[in-house]
Amino acid sequence: MQVSTIIERVHQALEEHGRDCSMEEVVGLCPDLTWNQVYLAIDYLSKTGRVRVTLDPDRTYTVQVYPVLSDTARASSRQEQMQKVV
């Protein structure tokens, strides 16, 4: 399986889940992938700003997915930001 396919598979599973979840839960959402594949996908998604990973006080890593904006929503968001600047 290609790396890009794995990354998209993990991201899609997180979006479908629709809420914060632990790393162990993410692995459970993708039973067709190994723990290492999920970890590397989460690492990439975090570095590219598509998810946020936090460490809870009980030392559990939590993953929060950012919704993917459509092109129209992205353009609208940029316009709103530009209007705030002006």
N, C-alpha and C. Protein backbone atom coordinates (compact mmCIF):
# COMPACT_ATOMS: atom_id res chain seq x y z
N MET A 1 0.85 -1.17 0.00
CA MET A 1 0.00 0.00 0.00
C MET A 1 0.90 1.24 0.00
N GLN A 2 0.57 2.21 -0.83
CA GLN A 2 1.36 3.44 -0.92
C GLN A 2 1.16 4.31 0.32
N VAL A 3 2.19 5.07 0.66
CA VAL A 3 2.15 5.93 1.83
C VAL A 3 1.00 6.93 1.74
N SER A 4 0.80 7.53 0.57
CA SER A 4 -0.28 8.52 0.41
C SER A 4 -1.65 7.87 0.66
N THR A 5 -1.80 6.63 0.26
CA THR A 5 -3.05 5.90 0.49
C THR A 5 -3.27 5.67 1.98
N ILE A 6 -2.21 5.33 2.68
CA ILE A 6 -2.30 5.10 4.13
C ILE A 6 -2.68 6.40 4.83
N ILE A 7 -2.04 7.49 4.46
CA ILE A 7 -2.32 8.79 5.08
C ILE A 7 -3.77 9.18 4.87
N GLU A 8 -4.25 9.05 3.65
CA GLU A 8 -5.65 9.39 3.36
C GLU A 8 -6.61 8.47 4.08
N ARG A 9 -6.26 7.19 4.22
CA ARG A 9 -7.10 6.23 4.94
C ARG A 9 -7.26 6.63 6.40
N VAL A 10 -6.16 7.02 7.04
CA VAL A 10 -6.20 7.44 8.44
C VAL A 10 -6.99 8.74 8.58
N HIS A 11 -6.74 9.69 7.70
CA HIS A 11 -7.44 10.97 7.77
C HIS A 11 -8.95 10.77 7.59
N GLN A 12 -9.32 9.95 6.64
CA GLN A 12 -10.74 9.68 6.40
C GLN A 12 -11.38 9.01 7.61
N ALA A 13 -10.70 8.08 8.22
CA ALA A 13 -11.23 7.40 9.41
C ALA A 13 -11.44 8.39 10.54
N LEU A 14 -10.52 9.33 10.71
CA LEU A 14 -10.65 10.35 11.75
C LEU A 14 -11.83 11.27 11.46
N GLU A 15 -11.99 11.69 10.21
CA GLU A 15 -13.11 12.56 9.85
C GLU A 15 -14.44 11.85 10.08
N GLU A 16 -14.52 10.57 9.73
CA GLU A 16 -15.75 9.82 9.92
C GLU A 16 -16.06 9.63 11.40
N HIS A 17 -15.01 9.47 12.21
CA HIS A 17 -15.19 9.31 13.66
C HIS A 17 -15.75 10.59 14.26
N GLY A 18 -15.25 11.72 13.79
CA GLY A 18 -15.83 13.02 14.11
C GLY A 18 -15.56 13.60 15.49
N ARG A 19 -14.65 13.03 16.24
CA ARG A 19 -14.32 13.61 17.55
C ARG A 19 -12.90 13.23 17.92
N ASP A 20 -12.41 13.82 18.99
CA ASP A 20 -11.07 13.50 19.45
C ASP A 20 -10.99 12.03 19.82
N CYS A 21 -9.83 11.44 19.60
CA CYS A 21 -9.66 10.05 20.01
C CYS A 21 -8.19 9.78 20.33
N SER A 22 -7.96 8.75 21.09
CA SER A 22 -6.60 8.37 21.46
C SER A 22 -5.92 7.69 20.28
N MET A 23 -4.60 7.58 20.35
CA MET A 23 -3.86 6.89 19.30
C MET A 23 -4.34 5.44 19.18
N GLU A 24 -4.64 4.82 20.31
CA GLU A 24 -5.12 3.43 20.28
C GLU A 24 -6.45 3.33 19.55
N GLU A 25 -7.32 4.33 19.75
CA GLU A 25 -8.60 4.35 19.04
C GLU A 25 -8.39 4.50 17.54
N VAL A 26 -7.42 5.33 17.15
CA VAL A 26 -7.14 5.51 15.72
C VAL A 26 -6.70 4.18 15.12
N VAL A 27 -5.86 3.45 15.82
CA VAL A 27 -5.43 2.13 15.33
C VAL A 27 -6.65 1.23 15.17
N GLY A 28 -7.59 1.31 16.10
CA GLY A 28 -8.81 0.51 16.01
C GLY A 28 -9.71 0.92 14.86
N LEU A 29 -9.66 2.20 14.48
CA LEU A 29 -10.46 2.68 13.35
C LEU A 29 -9.91 2.18 12.02
N CYS A 30 -8.66 1.75 12.01
CA CYS A 30 -8.00 1.31 10.78
C CYS A 30 -7.42 -0.09 10.98
N PRO A 31 -8.28 -1.09 11.13
CA PRO A 31 -7.77 -2.44 11.42
C PRO A 31 -6.95 -3.04 10.29
N ASP A 32 -7.04 -2.48 9.10
CA ASP A 32 -6.27 -2.98 7.97
C ASP A 32 -4.83 -2.45 7.95
N LEU A 33 -4.51 -1.54 8.87
CA LEU A 33 -3.18 -0.94 8.93
C LEU A 33 -2.45 -1.38 10.20
N THR A 34 -1.13 -1.37 10.15
CA THR A 34 -0.35 -1.68 11.34
C THR A 34 -0.26 -0.44 12.22
N TRP A 35 0.15 -0.64 13.48
CA TRP A 35 0.32 0.48 14.40
C TRP A 35 1.34 1.45 13.83
N ASN A 36 2.42 0.93 13.27
CA ASN A 36 3.48 1.79 12.71
C ASN A 36 2.95 2.63 11.55
N GLN A 37 2.13 2.05 10.68
CA GLN A 37 1.57 2.80 9.56
C GLN A 37 0.68 3.93 10.08
N VAL A 38 -0.15 3.65 11.08
CA VAL A 38 -1.02 4.68 11.65
C VAL A 38 -0.19 5.78 12.28
N TYR A 39 0.82 5.41 13.05
CA TYR A 39 1.68 6.39 13.71
C TYR A 39 2.34 7.31 12.69
N LEU A 40 2.91 6.75 11.64
CA LEU A 40 3.57 7.57 10.62
C LEU A 40 2.58 8.47 9.88
N ALA A 41 1.36 7.98 9.65
CA ALA A 41 0.33 8.82 9.01
C ALA A 41 -0.06 9.97 9.92
N ILE A 42 -0.24 9.70 11.22
CA ILE A 42 -0.58 10.76 12.18
C ILE A 42 0.55 11.77 12.26
N ASP A 43 1.79 11.31 12.25
CA ASP A 43 2.94 12.21 12.28
C ASP A 43 2.91 13.15 11.07
N TYR A 44 2.68 12.60 9.89
CA TYR A 44 2.61 13.42 8.67
C TYR A 44 1.43 14.39 8.73
N LEU A 45 0.26 13.90 9.12
CA LEU A 45 -0.93 14.75 9.19
C LEU A 45 -0.75 15.87 10.20
N SER A 46 -0.04 15.60 11.28
CA SER A 46 0.24 16.63 12.27
C SER A 46 1.19 17.69 11.72
N LYS A 47 2.22 17.26 11.05
CA LYS A 47 3.20 18.19 10.49
C LYS A 47 2.62 19.06 9.39
N THR A 48 1.59 18.56 8.70
CA THR A 48 0.98 19.33 7.63
C THR A 48 -0.27 20.08 8.10
N GLY A 49 -0.56 20.04 9.40
CA GLY A 49 -1.65 20.82 9.96
C GLY A 49 -3.03 20.26 9.75
N ARG A 50 -3.15 18.99 9.42
CA ARG A 50 -4.47 18.40 9.20
C ARG A 50 -5.05 17.77 10.46
N VAL A 51 -4.17 17.49 11.44
CA VAL A 51 -4.62 17.01 12.74
C VAL A 51 -3.76 17.68 13.81
N ARG A 52 -4.26 17.62 15.03
CA ARG A 52 -3.48 18.12 16.17
C ARG A 52 -3.33 16.97 17.14
N VAL A 53 -2.13 16.78 17.64
CA VAL A 53 -1.86 15.72 18.61
C VAL A 53 -1.45 16.39 19.91
N THR A 54 -2.12 15.99 20.99
CA THR A 54 -1.81 16.54 22.30
C THR A 54 -1.54 15.40 23.28
N LEU A 55 -0.78 15.69 24.32
CA LEU A 55 -0.49 14.73 25.37
C LEU A 55 -1.29 15.12 26.60
N ASP A 56 -2.18 14.24 27.01
CA ASP A 56 -3.02 14.48 28.18
C ASP A 56 -2.20 14.28 29.46
N PRO A 57 -2.70 14.82 30.60
CA PRO A 57 -1.98 14.64 31.86
C PRO A 57 -1.76 13.17 32.23
N ASP A 58 -2.65 12.29 31.78
CA ASP A 58 -2.48 10.86 32.08
C ASP A 58 -1.57 10.17 31.06
N ARG A 59 -0.84 10.97 30.26
CA ARG A 59 0.14 10.50 29.28
C ARG A 59 -0.49 9.73 28.12
N THR A 60 -1.69 10.13 27.74
CA THR A 60 -2.38 9.56 26.58
C THR A 60 -2.32 10.58 25.45
N TYR A 61 -1.91 10.14 24.28
CA TYR A 61 -1.90 11.02 23.12
C TYR A 61 -3.29 11.06 22.52
N THR A 62 -3.80 12.28 22.31
CA THR A 62 -5.12 12.48 21.73
C THR A 62 -4.97 13.14 20.37
N VAL A 63 -5.74 12.66 19.41
CA VAL A 63 -5.68 13.17 18.04
C VAL A 63 -6.99 13.88 17.74
N GLN A 64 -6.89 15.11 17.23
CA GLN A 64 -8.06 15.89 16.83
C GLN A 64 -7.89 16.23 15.36
N VAL A 65 -8.90 15.89 14.57
CA VAL A 65 -8.83 16.15 13.14
C VAL A 65 -9.41 17.53 12.84
N TYR A 66 -8.77 18.23 11.92
CA TYR A 66 -9.31 19.49 11.43
C TYR A 66 -10.14 19.19 10.19
N PRO A 67 -11.34 19.73 10.09
CA PRO A 67 -12.17 19.44 8.90
C PRO A 67 -11.51 19.99 7.65
N VAL A 68 -11.67 19.26 6.57
CA VAL A 68 -11.15 19.70 5.27
C VAL A 68 -12.13 20.71 4.69
N LEU A 69 -11.63 21.88 4.33
CA LEU A 69 -12.49 22.90 3.75
C LEU A 69 -12.59 22.69 2.24
N SER A 70 -13.78 22.90 1.72
CA SER A 70 -13.94 22.87 0.27
C SER A 70 -13.26 24.09 -0.31
N ASP A 71 -13.04 24.11 -1.60
CA ASP A 71 -12.40 25.26 -2.26
C ASP A 71 -13.21 26.53 -2.02
N THR A 72 -14.54 26.43 -2.06
CA THR A 72 -15.40 27.60 -1.85
C THR A 72 -15.27 28.11 -0.42
N ALA A 73 -15.29 27.20 0.54
CA ALA A 73 -15.17 27.59 1.95
C ALA A 73 -13.79 28.18 2.22
N ARG A 74 -12.76 27.61 1.61
CA ARG A 74 -11.40 28.11 1.79
C ARG A 74 -11.28 29.53 1.25
N ALA A 75 -11.85 29.80 0.08
CA ALA A 75 -11.81 31.13 -0.52
C ALA A 75 -12.57 32.13 0.35
N SER A 76 -13.72 31.70 0.86
CA SER A 76 -14.52 32.57 1.73
C SER A 76 -13.76 32.91 3.00
N SER A 77 -13.09 31.93 3.56
CA SER A 77 -12.31 32.14 4.77
C SER A 77 -11.17 33.12 4.52
N ARG A 78 -10.50 33.02 3.38
CA ARG A 78 -9.42 33.94 3.04
C ARG A 78 -9.95 35.36 2.89
N GLN A 79 -11.12 35.51 2.26
CA GLN A 79 -11.72 36.84 2.09
C GLN A 79 -12.04 37.45 3.45
N GLU A 80 -12.57 36.66 4.37
CA GLU A 80 -12.88 37.16 5.70
C GLU A 80 -11.62 37.61 6.43
N GLN A 81 -10.54 36.84 6.29
CA GLN A 81 -9.28 37.20 6.92
C GLN A 81 -8.74 38.49 6.33
N MET A 82 -8.84 38.66 5.02
CA MET A 82 -8.35 39.87 4.37
C MET A 82 -9.15 41.09 4.82
N GLN A 83 -10.46 40.94 5.00
CA GLN A 83 -11.30 42.03 5.43
C GLN A 83 -10.95 42.46 6.85
N LYS A 84 -10.55 41.53 7.70
CA LYS A 84 -10.14 41.86 9.07
C LYS A 84 -8.87 42.66 9.07
N VAL A 85 -7.98 42.38 8.11
CA VAL A 85 -6.71 43.08 8.02
C VAL A 85 -6.92 44.51 7.57
N VAL A 86 -7.86 44.70 6.64
CA VAL A 86 -8.10 46.03 6.06
C VAL A 86 -8.91 46.83 6.99
